[in-house]
PDB file of all heavy atoms in Angstrom:
ATOM      1  N   ASP A   1     -18.601 -48.276   1.645  1.00  0.00           N
ATOM      2  CA  ASP A   1     -19.725 -48.449   0.876  1.00  0.00           C
ATOM      3  C   ASP A   1     -20.646 -47.130   0.718  1.00  0.00           C
ATOM      4  O   ASP A   1     -19.971 -46.152   0.560  1.00  0.00           O
ATOM      5  CB  ASP A   1     -20.689 -49.574   1.291  1.00  0.00           C
ATOM      6  CG  ASP A   1     -21.213 -50.450   0.193  1.00  0.00           C
ATOM      7  OD1 ASP A   1     -21.436 -49.877  -0.859  1.00  0.00           O
ATOM      8  OD2 ASP A   1     -21.420 -51.762   0.546  1.00  0.00           O
ATOM      9  N   HIS A   2     -21.873 -47.123   0.879  1.00  0.00           N
ATOM     10  CA  HIS A   2     -22.779 -46.100   0.423  1.00  0.00           C
ATOM     11  C   HIS A   2     -22.821 -44.923   1.398  1.00  0.00           C
ATOM     12  O   HIS A   2     -22.402 -45.064   2.516  1.00  0.00           O
ATOM     13  CB  HIS A   2     -24.098 -46.543  -0.011  1.00  0.00           C
ATOM     14  CG  HIS A   2     -24.067 -47.541  -1.159  1.00  0.00           C
ATOM     15  ND1 HIS A   2     -23.727 -47.142  -2.385  1.00  0.00           N
ATOM     16  CD2 HIS A   2     -24.366 -48.878  -1.091  1.00  0.00           C
ATOM     17  CE1 HIS A   2     -23.739 -48.210  -3.014  1.00  0.00           C
ATOM     18  NE2 HIS A   2     -24.198 -49.261  -2.352  1.00  0.00           N
ATOM     19  N   LEU A   3     -23.483 -43.654   0.873  1.00  0.00           N
ATOM     20  CA  LEU A   3     -23.571 -42.500   1.710  1.00  0.00           C
ATOM     21  C   LEU A   3     -24.873 -41.950   1.778  1.00  0.00           C
ATOM     22  O   LEU A   3     -25.719 -42.327   0.929  1.00  0.00           O
ATOM     23  CB  LEU A   3     -22.574 -41.444   1.099  1.00  0.00           C
ATOM     24  CG  LEU A   3     -21.093 -41.653   1.051  1.00  0.00           C
ATOM     25  CD1 LEU A   3     -20.716 -42.638  -0.243  1.00  0.00           C
ATOM     26  CD2 LEU A   3     -20.255 -40.374   0.855  1.00  0.00           C
ATOM     27  N   ALA A   4     -25.129 -41.141   2.822  1.00  0.00           N
ATOM     28  CA  ALA A   4     -26.427 -40.454   2.902  1.00  0.00           C
ATOM     29  C   ALA A   4     -26.192 -39.057   3.604  1.00  0.00           C
ATOM     30  O   ALA A   4     -25.069 -38.840   4.099  1.00  0.00           O
ATOM     31  CB  ALA A   4     -27.479 -41.358   3.643  1.00  0.00           C
ATOM     32  N   VAL A   5     -27.186 -38.206   3.539  1.00  0.00           N
ATOM     33  CA  VAL A   5     -26.952 -36.913   4.194  1.00  0.00           C
ATOM     34  C   VAL A   5     -28.172 -36.437   4.966  1.00  0.00           C
ATOM     35  O   VAL A   5     -29.288 -36.684   4.748  1.00  0.00           O
ATOM     36  CB  VAL A   5     -26.778 -35.852   2.951  1.00  0.00           C
ATOM     37  CG1 VAL A   5     -27.974 -35.682   2.097  1.00  0.00           C
ATOM     38  CG2 VAL A   5     -26.209 -34.458   3.527  1.00  0.00           C
ATOM     39  N   ASP A   6     -27.787 -35.606   6.072  1.00  0.00           N
ATOM     40  CA  ASP A   6     -28.679 -34.870   6.873  1.00  0.00           C
ATOM     41  C   ASP A   6     -28.652 -33.543   6.440  1.00  0.00           C
ATOM     42  O   ASP A   6     -27.690 -32.752   6.774  1.00  0.00           O
ATOM     43  CB  ASP A   6     -28.410 -35.116   8.381  1.00  0.00           C
ATOM     44  CG  ASP A   6     -29.219 -34.105   9.205  1.00  0.00           C
ATOM     45  OD1 ASP A   6     -29.982 -33.317   8.851  1.00  0.00           O
ATOM     46  OD2 ASP A   6     -28.984 -34.355  10.453  1.00  0.00           O
ATOM     47  N   LEU A   7     -29.515 -32.977   5.458  1.00  0.00           N
ATOM     48  CA  LEU A   7     -29.399 -31.647   4.868  1.00  0.00           C
ATOM     49  C   LEU A   7     -29.501 -30.547   6.007  1.00  0.00           C
ATOM     50  O   LEU A   7     -28.778 -29.497   5.847  1.00  0.00           O
ATOM     51  CB  LEU A   7     -30.466 -31.567   3.860  1.00  0.00           C
ATOM     52  CG  LEU A   7     -30.105 -32.248   2.570  1.00  0.00           C
ATOM     53  CD1 LEU A   7     -31.416 -32.149   1.654  1.00  0.00           C
ATOM     54  CD2 LEU A   7     -28.839 -31.641   1.872  1.00  0.00           C
ATOM     55  N   ALA A   8     -30.407 -30.682   6.967  1.00  0.00           N
ATOM     56  CA  ALA A   8     -30.583 -29.603   7.875  1.00  0.00           C
ATOM     57  C   ALA A   8     -29.337 -29.201   8.643  1.00  0.00           C
ATOM     58  O   ALA A   8     -28.980 -28.121   8.859  1.00  0.00           O
ATOM     59  CB  ALA A   8     -31.729 -30.024   8.931  1.00  0.00           C
ATOM     60  N   ARG A   9     -28.580 -30.328   9.038  1.00  0.00           N
ATOM     61  CA  ARG A   9     -27.326 -30.149   9.782  1.00  0.00           C
ATOM     62  C   ARG A   9     -26.111 -30.156   9.026  1.00  0.00           C
ATOM     63  O   ARG A   9     -24.967 -29.959   9.367  1.00  0.00           O
ATOM     64  CB  ARG A   9     -27.302 -31.231  10.872  1.00  0.00           C
ATOM     65  CG  ARG A   9     -28.347 -31.269  11.976  1.00  0.00           C
ATOM     66  CD  ARG A   9     -28.013 -32.209  13.029  1.00  0.00           C
ATOM     67  NE  ARG A   9     -29.100 -32.215  14.061  1.00  0.00           N
ATOM     68  CZ  ARG A   9     -30.013 -33.169  14.037  1.00  0.00           C
ATOM     69  NH1 ARG A   9     -30.181 -33.972  13.099  1.00  0.00           N
ATOM     70  NH2 ARG A   9     -30.940 -33.023  15.069  1.00  0.00           N
ATOM     71  N   LYS A  10     -26.309 -30.497   7.640  1.00  0.00           N
ATOM     72  CA  LYS A  10     -25.103 -30.615   6.794  1.00  0.00           C
ATOM     73  C   LYS A  10     -24.133 -31.679   7.176  1.00  0.00           C
ATOM     74  O   LYS A  10     -22.956 -31.322   7.240  1.00  0.00           O
ATOM     75  CB  LYS A  10     -24.449 -29.309   6.459  1.00  0.00           C
ATOM     76  CG  LYS A  10     -25.477 -28.308   5.723  1.00  0.00           C
ATOM     77  CD  LYS A  10     -24.678 -27.092   5.309  1.00  0.00           C
ATOM     78  CE  LYS A  10     -25.637 -26.199   4.491  1.00  0.00           C
ATOM     79  NZ  LYS A  10     -25.074 -24.836   4.217  1.00  0.00           N
ATOM     80  N   ARG A  11     -24.747 -32.821   7.503  1.00  0.00           N
ATOM     81  CA  ARG A  11     -23.835 -33.917   7.902  1.00  0.00           C
ATOM     82  C   ARG A  11     -23.911 -35.068   6.987  1.00  0.00           C
ATOM     83  O   ARG A  11     -24.969 -35.519   6.571  1.00  0.00           O
ATOM     84  CB  ARG A  11     -24.298 -34.449   9.352  1.00  0.00           C
ATOM     85  CG  ARG A  11     -24.034 -33.415  10.457  1.00  0.00           C
ATOM     86  CD  ARG A  11     -24.530 -33.942  11.851  1.00  0.00           C
ATOM     87  NE  ARG A  11     -24.435 -33.051  12.886  1.00  0.00           N
ATOM     88  CZ  ARG A  11     -24.875 -33.223  14.080  1.00  0.00           C
ATOM     89  NH1 ARG A  11     -25.675 -34.191  14.326  1.00  0.00           N
ATOM     90  NH2 ARG A  11     -24.672 -32.367  14.920  1.00  0.00           N
ATOM     91  N   LEU A  12     -22.761 -35.682   6.664  1.00  0.00           N
ATOM     92  CA  LEU A  12     -22.726 -36.750   5.614  1.00  0.00           C
ATOM     93  C   LEU A  12     -22.392 -38.067   6.408  1.00  0.00           C
ATOM     94  O   LEU A  12     -21.513 -38.146   7.208  1.00  0.00           O
ATOM     95  CB  LEU A  12     -21.664 -36.464   4.528  1.00  0.00           C
ATOM     96  CG  LEU A  12     -21.763 -37.340   3.434  1.00  0.00           C
ATOM     97  CD1 LEU A  12     -22.857 -36.978   2.447  1.00  0.00           C
ATOM     98  CD2 LEU A  12     -20.319 -37.379   2.688  1.00  0.00           C
ATOM     99  N   PHE A  13     -23.088 -39.167   6.029  1.00  0.00           N
ATOM    100  CA  PHE A  13     -22.937 -40.421   6.770  1.00  0.00           C
ATOM    101  C   PHE A  13     -22.324 -41.388   5.723  1.00  0.00           C
ATOM    102  O   PHE A  13     -22.651 -41.461   4.626  1.00  0.00           O
ATOM    103  CB  PHE A  13     -24.280 -40.958   7.213  1.00  0.00           C
ATOM    104  CG  PHE A  13     -25.102 -40.091   7.939  1.00  0.00           C
ATOM    105  CD1 PHE A  13     -26.248 -39.482   7.484  1.00  0.00           C
ATOM    106  CD2 PHE A  13     -24.650 -39.568   9.205  1.00  0.00           C
ATOM    107  CE1 PHE A  13     -27.074 -38.636   8.294  1.00  0.00           C
ATOM    108  CE2 PHE A  13     -25.349 -38.728  10.008  1.00  0.00           C
ATOM    109  CZ  PHE A  13     -26.628 -38.250   9.459  1.00  0.00           C
ATOM    110  N   ILE A  14     -21.202 -42.073   6.136  1.00  0.00           N
ATOM    111  CA  ILE A  14     -20.438 -42.918   5.174  1.00  0.00           C
ATOM    112  C   ILE A  14     -20.352 -44.295   5.919  1.00  0.00           C
ATOM    113  O   ILE A  14     -19.925 -44.467   6.985  1.00  0.00           O
ATOM    114  CB  ILE A  14     -19.010 -42.381   5.157  1.00  0.00           C
ATOM    115  CG1 ILE A  14     -18.998 -40.845   4.682  1.00  0.00           C
ATOM    116  CG2 ILE A  14     -18.360 -43.306   4.098  1.00  0.00           C
ATOM    117  CD1 ILE A  14     -17.636 -40.227   4.769  1.00  0.00           C
ATOM    118  N   ALA A  15     -20.995 -45.303   5.209  1.00  0.00           N
ATOM    119  CA  ALA A  15     -20.877 -46.745   5.580  1.00  0.00           C
ATOM    120  C   ALA A  15     -19.467 -47.373   5.367  1.00  0.00           C
ATOM    121  O   ALA A  15     -19.105 -47.586   4.158  1.00  0.00           O
ATOM    122  CB  ALA A  15     -22.027 -47.418   4.827  1.00  0.00           C
ATOM    123  N   GLU A  16     -18.866 -47.391   6.334  1.00  0.00           N
ATOM    124  CA  GLU A  16     -17.300 -47.809   6.255  1.00  0.00           C
ATOM    125  C   GLU A  16     -17.483 -49.479   6.482  1.00  0.00           C
ATOM    126  O   GLU A  16     -17.115 -49.991   7.647  1.00  0.00           O
ATOM    127  CB  GLU A  16     -16.523 -47.226   7.397  1.00  0.00           C
ATOM    128  CG  GLU A  16     -16.514 -45.607   7.148  1.00  0.00           C
ATOM    129  CD  GLU A  16     -15.907 -44.808   8.272  1.00  0.00           C
ATOM    130  OE1 GLU A  16     -15.968 -45.323   9.365  1.00  0.00           O
ATOM    131  OE2 GLU A  16     -15.633 -43.644   8.125  1.00  0.00           O
ATOM    132  N   LEU A  17     -17.755 -50.148   5.491  1.00  0.00           N
ATOM    133  CA  LEU A  17     -17.978 -51.557   5.459  1.00  0.00           C
ATOM    134  C   LEU A  17     -16.946 -52.384   6.248  1.00  0.00           C
ATOM    135  O   LEU A  17     -17.200 -53.041   7.144  1.00  0.00           O
ATOM    136  CB  LEU A  17     -18.191 -52.039   4.054  1.00  0.00           C
ATOM    137  CG  LEU A  17     -18.842 -53.462   3.945  1.00  0.00           C
ATOM    138  CD1 LEU A  17     -19.736 -53.551   2.723  1.00  0.00           C
ATOM    139  CD2 LEU A  17     -17.667 -54.563   3.850  1.00  0.00           C
ATOM    140  N   GLU A  18     -15.804 -52.432   5.663  1.00  0.00           N
ATOM    141  CA  GLU A  18     -14.748 -53.303   6.234  1.00  0.00           C
ATOM    142  C   GLU A  18     -14.189 -52.804   7.605  1.00  0.00           C
ATOM    143  O   GLU A  18     -13.451 -53.436   8.312  1.00  0.00           O
ATOM    144  CB  GLU A  18     -13.618 -53.458   5.260  1.00  0.00           C
ATOM    145  CG  GLU A  18     -14.006 -54.345   4.068  1.00  0.00           C
ATOM    146  CD  GLU A  18     -12.821 -54.664   3.253  1.00  0.00           C
ATOM    147  OE1 GLU A  18     -11.854 -55.208   3.741  1.00  0.00           O
ATOM    148  OE2 GLU A  18     -12.869 -54.488   1.976  1.00  0.00           O
ATOM    149  N   ASN A  19     -14.470 -51.557   7.892  1.00  0.00           N
ATOM    150  CA  ASN A  19     -14.143 -50.967   9.208  1.00  0.00           C
ATOM    151  C   ASN A  19     -15.227 -51.177  10.323  1.00  0.00           C
ATOM    152  O   ASN A  19     -15.092 -50.856  11.506  1.00  0.00           O
ATOM    153  CB  ASN A  19     -13.755 -49.500   9.023  1.00  0.00           C
ATOM    154  CG  ASN A  19     -12.871 -48.944  10.080  1.00  0.00           C
ATOM    155  OD1 ASN A  19     -11.694 -49.447  10.162  1.00  0.00           O
ATOM    156  ND2 ASN A  19     -13.315 -47.968  10.834  1.00  0.00           N
ATOM    157  N   ASN A  20     -16.367 -51.750   9.827  1.00  0.00           N
ATOM    158  CA  ASN A  20     -17.467 -51.926  10.757  1.00  0.00           C
ATOM    159  C   ASN A  20     -17.916 -50.685  11.558  1.00  0.00           C
ATOM    160  O   ASN A  20     -18.151 -50.728  12.603  1.00  0.00           O
ATOM    161  CB  ASN A  20     -17.139 -53.159  11.771  1.00  0.00           C
ATOM    162  CG  ASN A  20     -16.966 -54.434  11.034  1.00  0.00           C
ATOM    163  OD1 ASN A  20     -17.781 -54.728  10.190  1.00  0.00           O
ATOM    164  ND2 ASN A  20     -15.971 -55.084  11.381  1.00  0.00           N
ATOM    165  N   SER A  21     -18.002 -49.608  10.715  1.00  0.00           N
ATOM    166  CA  SER A  21     -18.255 -48.333  11.382  1.00  0.00           C
ATOM    167  C   SER A  21     -19.016 -47.409  10.407  1.00  0.00           C
ATOM    168  O   SER A  21     -19.182 -47.657   9.214  1.00  0.00           O
ATOM    169  CB  SER A  21     -17.004 -47.652  11.887  1.00  0.00           C
ATOM    170  OG  SER A  21     -16.074 -47.441  10.792  1.00  0.00           O
ATOM    171  N   LEU A  22     -19.596 -46.386  10.994  1.00  0.00           N
ATOM    172  CA  LEU A  22     -20.262 -45.217  10.255  1.00  0.00           C
ATOM    173  C   LEU A  22     -19.505 -43.936  10.477  1.00  0.00           C
ATOM    174  O   LEU A  22     -19.582 -43.457  11.608  1.00  0.00           O
ATOM    175  CB  LEU A  22     -21.752 -45.165  10.578  1.00  0.00           C
ATOM    176  CG  LEU A  22     -22.473 -44.225   9.778  1.00  0.00           C
ATOM    177  CD1 LEU A  22     -22.893 -44.727   8.456  1.00  0.00           C
ATOM    178  CD2 LEU A  22     -23.894 -43.740  10.527  1.00  0.00           C
ATOM    179  N   GLY A  23     -18.920 -43.350   9.508  1.00  0.00           N
ATOM    180  CA  GLY A  23     -18.337 -42.102   9.621  1.00  0.00           C
ATOM    181  C   GLY A  23     -19.255 -40.955   9.399  1.00  0.00           C
ATOM    182  O   GLY A  23     -20.220 -41.101   8.495  1.00  0.00           O
ATOM    183  N   ILE A  24     -19.233 -39.850  10.212  1.00  0.00           N
ATOM    184  CA  ILE A  24     -20.062 -38.828  10.132  1.00  0.00           C
ATOM    185  C   ILE A  24     -19.322 -37.527   9.956  1.00  0.00           C
ATOM    186  O   ILE A  24     -18.382 -37.156  10.859  1.00  0.00           O
ATOM    187  CB  ILE A  24     -21.023 -38.641  11.366  1.00  0.00           C
ATOM    188  CG1 ILE A  24     -21.779 -39.993  11.547  1.00  0.00           C
ATOM    189  CG2 ILE A  24     -22.008 -37.411  11.330  1.00  0.00           C
ATOM    190  CD1 ILE A  24     -22.479 -40.229  12.879  1.00  0.00           C
TER     191      ILE A  24
END
């Protein structure tokens, strides 16, 4: 599903819906 970003650290967050996890 959806994504967001921490610009200061240049990290992207990924909502891995069916995996029940958040990828960074």
